[in-house]
């Protein structure tokens, strides 16, 4: 039984999930790793965003999700994430920080919108 868990965890660690970014009517395909750690990374699509590398100290990884995707996320935003989102431009009810989204296999081909402007709350 323990060996099965190790093999399953190993497969999950090597699996990459497709994520579609939409920015200024352009589409970029990226991927993220499912698992217990936040794994959505806009740096993979070569955008100058997500500058704090998941440390929850800026809002540069601000993303806007579809309502159904937002509602299906396993974790709701923490107070700290909501505080950072308050500093983001173009804030929506379905806004999240990409560094705080934990991917699961059922989120394959997730589509997220990238706001036209970012605000680096660190400066």
C-alpha atoms as a PDB file:
ATOM      1  CA  UNK A   1       0.000   0.000   0.000  1.00  0.00           C
ATOM      2  CA  UNK A   2       2.800   2.457   0.895  1.00  0.00           C
ATOM      3  CA  UNK A   3       4.561   1.655  -2.386  1.00  0.00           C
ATOM      4  CA  UNK A   4       1.380   2.522  -4.315  1.00  0.00           C
ATOM      5  CA  UNK A   5       1.247   5.911  -2.567  1.00  0.00           C
ATOM      6  CA  UNK A   6       4.899   6.573  -3.394  1.00  0.00           C
ATOM      7  CA  UNK A   7       4.349   5.683  -7.060  1.00  0.00           C
ATOM      8  CA  UNK A   8       1.192   7.810  -7.268  1.00  0.00           C
ATOM      9  CA  UNK A   9       2.969  10.798  -5.660  1.00  0.00           C
ATOM     10  CA  UNK A  10       5.899  10.358  -8.042  1.00  0.00           C
ATOM     11  CA  UNK A  11       3.573  10.372 -11.062  1.00  0.00           C
ATOM     12  CA  UNK A  12       1.763  13.464  -9.750  1.00  0.00           C
ATOM     13  CA  UNK A  13       5.101  15.258  -9.292  1.00  0.00           C
ATOM     14  CA  UNK A  14       6.116  14.597 -12.916  1.00  0.00           C
ATOM     15  CA  UNK A  15       2.717  15.464 -14.434  1.00  0.00           C
ATOM     16  CA  UNK A  16       2.270  18.953 -15.851  1.00  0.00           C
ATOM     17  CA  UNK A  17      -1.144  20.587 -16.279  1.00  0.00           C
ATOM     18  CA  UNK A  18      -1.875  22.838 -19.256  1.00  0.00           C
ATOM     19  CA  UNK A  19      -2.872  26.393 -18.368  1.00  0.00           C
ATOM     20  CA  UNK A  20      -4.048  28.904 -20.971  1.00  0.00           C
ATOM     21  CA  UNK A  21      -3.264  32.569 -20.335  1.00  0.00           C
ATOM     22  CA  UNK A  22      -5.202  35.254 -22.196  1.00  0.00           C
ATOM     23  CA  UNK A  23      -3.573  38.691 -22.296  1.00  0.00           C
ATOM     24  CA  UNK A  24      -4.587  41.513 -24.637  1.00  0.00           C
ATOM     25  CA  UNK A  25      -6.509  39.024 -26.828  1.00  0.00           C
ATOM     26  CA  UNK A  26      -3.396  36.862 -27.198  1.00  0.00           C
ATOM     27  CA  UNK A  27      -3.251  33.287 -25.903  1.00  0.00           C
ATOM     28  CA  UNK A  28      -0.233  31.706 -24.259  1.00  0.00           C
ATOM     29  CA  UNK A  29      -0.019  28.053 -23.296  1.00  0.00           C
ATOM     30  CA  UNK A  30       1.910  27.206 -20.174  1.00  0.00           C
ATOM     31  CA  UNK A  31       1.894  24.419 -17.644  1.00  0.00           C
ATOM     32  CA  UNK A  32       1.945  23.961 -13.923  1.00  0.00           C
ATOM     33  CA  UNK A  33       2.517  21.071 -11.612  1.00  0.00           C
ATOM     34  CA  UNK A  34      -0.416  19.676  -9.607  1.00  0.00           C
ATOM     35  CA  UNK A  35       0.161  19.115  -5.947  1.00  0.00           C
ATOM     36  CA  UNK A  36       0.108  20.615  -2.508  1.00  0.00           C
ATOM     37  CA  UNK A  37       2.213  23.680  -3.350  1.00  0.00           C
ATOM     38  CA  UNK A  38       1.023  26.714  -5.319  1.00  0.00           C
ATOM     39  CA  UNK A  39       2.090  25.978  -8.861  1.00  0.00           C
ATOM     40  CA  UNK A  40       0.614  28.469 -11.295  1.00  0.00           C
ATOM     41  CA  UNK A  41       3.552  30.414 -12.690  1.00  0.00           C
ATOM     42  CA  UNK A  42       3.168  33.174 -15.291  1.00  0.00           C
ATOM     43  CA  UNK A  43       6.954  33.369 -15.683  1.00  0.00           C
ATOM     44  CA  UNK A  44       6.739  30.260 -17.863  1.00  0.00           C
ATOM     45  CA  UNK A  45       5.048  32.320 -20.575  1.00  0.00           C
ATOM     46  CA  UNK A  46       7.773  34.967 -20.393  1.00  0.00           C
ATOM     47  CA  UNK A  47       5.640  37.733 -18.936  1.00  0.00           C
ATOM     48  CA  UNK A  48       7.296  40.180 -16.589  1.00  0.00           C
ATOM     49  CA  UNK A  49       4.805  39.229 -13.902  1.00  0.00           C
ATOM     50  CA  UNK A  50       4.820  37.078 -10.789  1.00  0.00           C
ATOM     51  CA  UNK A  51       7.913  38.881  -9.539  1.00  0.00           C
ATOM     52  CA  UNK A  52       7.761  37.849  -5.865  1.00  0.00           C
ATOM     53  CA  UNK A  53       8.065  34.132  -6.675  1.00  0.00           C
ATOM     54  CA  UNK A  54       5.105  33.046  -4.564  1.00  0.00           C
ATOM     55  CA  UNK A  55       5.993  34.929  -1.395  1.00  0.00           C
ATOM     56  CA  UNK A  56       2.665  36.823  -1.267  1.00  0.00           C
ATOM     57  CA  UNK A  57       4.410  40.204  -1.164  1.00  0.00           C
ATOM     58  CA  UNK A  58       3.073  41.766  -4.369  1.00  0.00           C
ATOM     59  CA  UNK A  59       0.117  41.515  -6.723  1.00  0.00           C
ATOM     60  CA  UNK A  60       1.989  41.048  -9.998  1.00  0.00           C
ATOM     61  CA  UNK A  61       0.606  37.527 -10.495  1.00  0.00           C
ATOM     62  CA  UNK A  62      -2.989  38.795 -10.399  1.00  0.00           C
ATOM     63  CA  UNK A  63      -5.213  36.626 -12.589  1.00  0.00           C
ATOM     64  CA  UNK A  64      -8.917  36.701 -13.354  1.00  0.00           C
ATOM     65  CA  UNK A  65     -10.712  33.374 -13.536  1.00  0.00           C
ATOM     66  CA  UNK A  66     -14.071  32.362 -14.951  1.00  0.00           C
ATOM     67  CA  UNK A  67     -16.733  32.139 -12.237  1.00  0.00           C
ATOM     68  CA  UNK A  68     -17.051  28.361 -12.464  1.00  0.00           C
ATOM     69  CA  UNK A  69     -13.267  27.905 -12.228  1.00  0.00           C
ATOM     70  CA  UNK A  70     -13.023  30.322  -9.307  1.00  0.00           C
ATOM     71  CA  UNK A  71     -15.808  28.496  -7.472  1.00  0.00           C
ATOM     72  CA  UNK A  72     -14.211  25.098  -8.065  1.00  0.00           C
ATOM     73  CA  UNK A  73     -10.859  26.012  -6.498  1.00  0.00           C
ATOM     74  CA  UNK A  74     -10.273  23.871  -3.407  1.00  0.00           C
ATOM     75  CA  UNK A  75      -8.984  26.771  -1.305  1.00  0.00           C
ATOM     76  CA  UNK A  76     -10.496  30.210  -0.915  1.00  0.00           C
ATOM     77  CA  UNK A  77      -8.218  33.269  -0.730  1.00  0.00           C
ATOM     78  CA  UNK A  78      -6.629  33.962   2.641  1.00  0.00           C
ATOM     79  CA  UNK A  79      -6.815  37.355   4.316  1.00  0.00           C
ATOM     80  CA  UNK A  80      -3.212  37.987   3.246  1.00  0.00           C
ATOM     81  CA  UNK A  81      -4.042  37.230  -0.391  1.00  0.00           C
ATOM     82  CA  UNK A  82      -7.111  39.468  -0.254  1.00  0.00           C
ATOM     83  CA  UNK A  83      -4.953  42.284   1.152  1.00  0.00           C
ATOM     84  CA  UNK A  84      -2.562  41.942  -1.809  1.00  0.00           C
ATOM     85  CA  UNK A  85      -5.452  41.758  -4.276  1.00  0.00           C
ATOM     86  CA  UNK A  86      -6.745  45.057  -2.910  1.00  0.00           C
ATOM     87  CA  UNK A  87      -3.606  46.612  -4.442  1.00  0.00           C
ATOM     88  CA  UNK A  88      -4.126  45.024  -7.866  1.00  0.00           C
ATOM     89  CA  UNK A  89      -5.437  46.865 -10.912  1.00  0.00           C
ATOM     90  CA  UNK A  90      -8.683  45.741 -12.546  1.00  0.00           C
ATOM     91  CA  UNK A  91      -9.777  43.716  -9.507  1.00  0.00           C
ATOM     92  CA  UNK A  92     -12.767  41.419 -10.147  1.00  0.00           C
ATOM     93  CA  UNK A  93     -14.867  39.154  -7.934  1.00  0.00           C
ATOM     94  CA  UNK A  94     -13.017  36.189  -9.456  1.00  0.00           C
ATOM     95  CA  UNK A  95      -9.492  37.596  -9.053  1.00  0.00           C
ATOM     96  CA  UNK A  96      -6.795  35.437  -7.485  1.00  0.00           C
ATOM     97  CA  UNK A  97      -3.039  35.597  -7.168  1.00  0.00           C
ATOM     98  CA  UNK A  98      -1.572  32.956  -9.444  1.00  0.00           C
ATOM     99  CA  UNK A  99       1.071  32.060  -6.880  1.00  0.00           C
ATOM    100  CA  UNK A 100      -1.684  30.963  -4.486  1.00  0.00           C
ATOM    101  CA  UNK A 101      -3.628  28.697  -6.864  1.00  0.00           C
ATOM    102  CA  UNK A 102      -3.010  25.020  -6.278  1.00  0.00           C
ATOM    103  CA  UNK A 103      -3.548  23.015  -9.449  1.00  0.00           C
ATOM    104  CA  UNK A 104      -5.396  19.718  -9.467  1.00  0.00           C
ATOM    105  CA  UNK A 105      -5.839  17.240 -12.295  1.00  0.00           C
ATOM    106  CA  UNK A 106      -9.437  18.340 -12.853  1.00  0.00           C
ATOM    107  CA  UNK A 107      -8.113  21.823 -13.742  1.00  0.00           C
ATOM    108  CA  UNK A 108      -6.477  20.633 -16.977  1.00  0.00           C
ATOM    109  CA  UNK A 109      -6.686  23.389 -19.636  1.00  0.00           C
ATOM    110  CA  UNK A 110      -7.628  26.052 -17.106  1.00  0.00           C
ATOM    111  CA  UNK A 111      -8.026  29.446 -18.798  1.00  0.00           C
ATOM    112  CA  UNK A 112      -7.033  32.579 -16.893  1.00  0.00           C
ATOM    113  CA  UNK A 113      -7.139  36.218 -17.949  1.00  0.00           C
ATOM    114  CA  UNK A 114      -4.160  38.451 -17.299  1.00  0.00           C
ATOM    115  CA  UNK A 115      -5.089  42.078 -16.516  1.00  0.00           C
ATOM    116  CA  UNK A 116      -3.694  44.681 -18.915  1.00  0.00           C
ATOM    117  CA  UNK A 117      -1.772  46.414 -16.107  1.00  0.00           C
ATOM    118  CA  UNK A 118      -0.013  45.112 -13.023  1.00  0.00           C
ATOM    119  CA  UNK A 119       0.842  46.833  -9.781  1.00  0.00           C
ATOM    120  CA  UNK A 120       4.011  45.775  -7.984  1.00  0.00           C
ATOM    121  CA  UNK A 121       3.028  46.375  -4.365  1.00  0.00           C
ATOM    122  CA  UNK A 122       6.673  45.996  -3.291  1.00  0.00           C
ATOM    123  CA  UNK A 123       7.641  49.397  -4.700  1.00  0.00           C
END
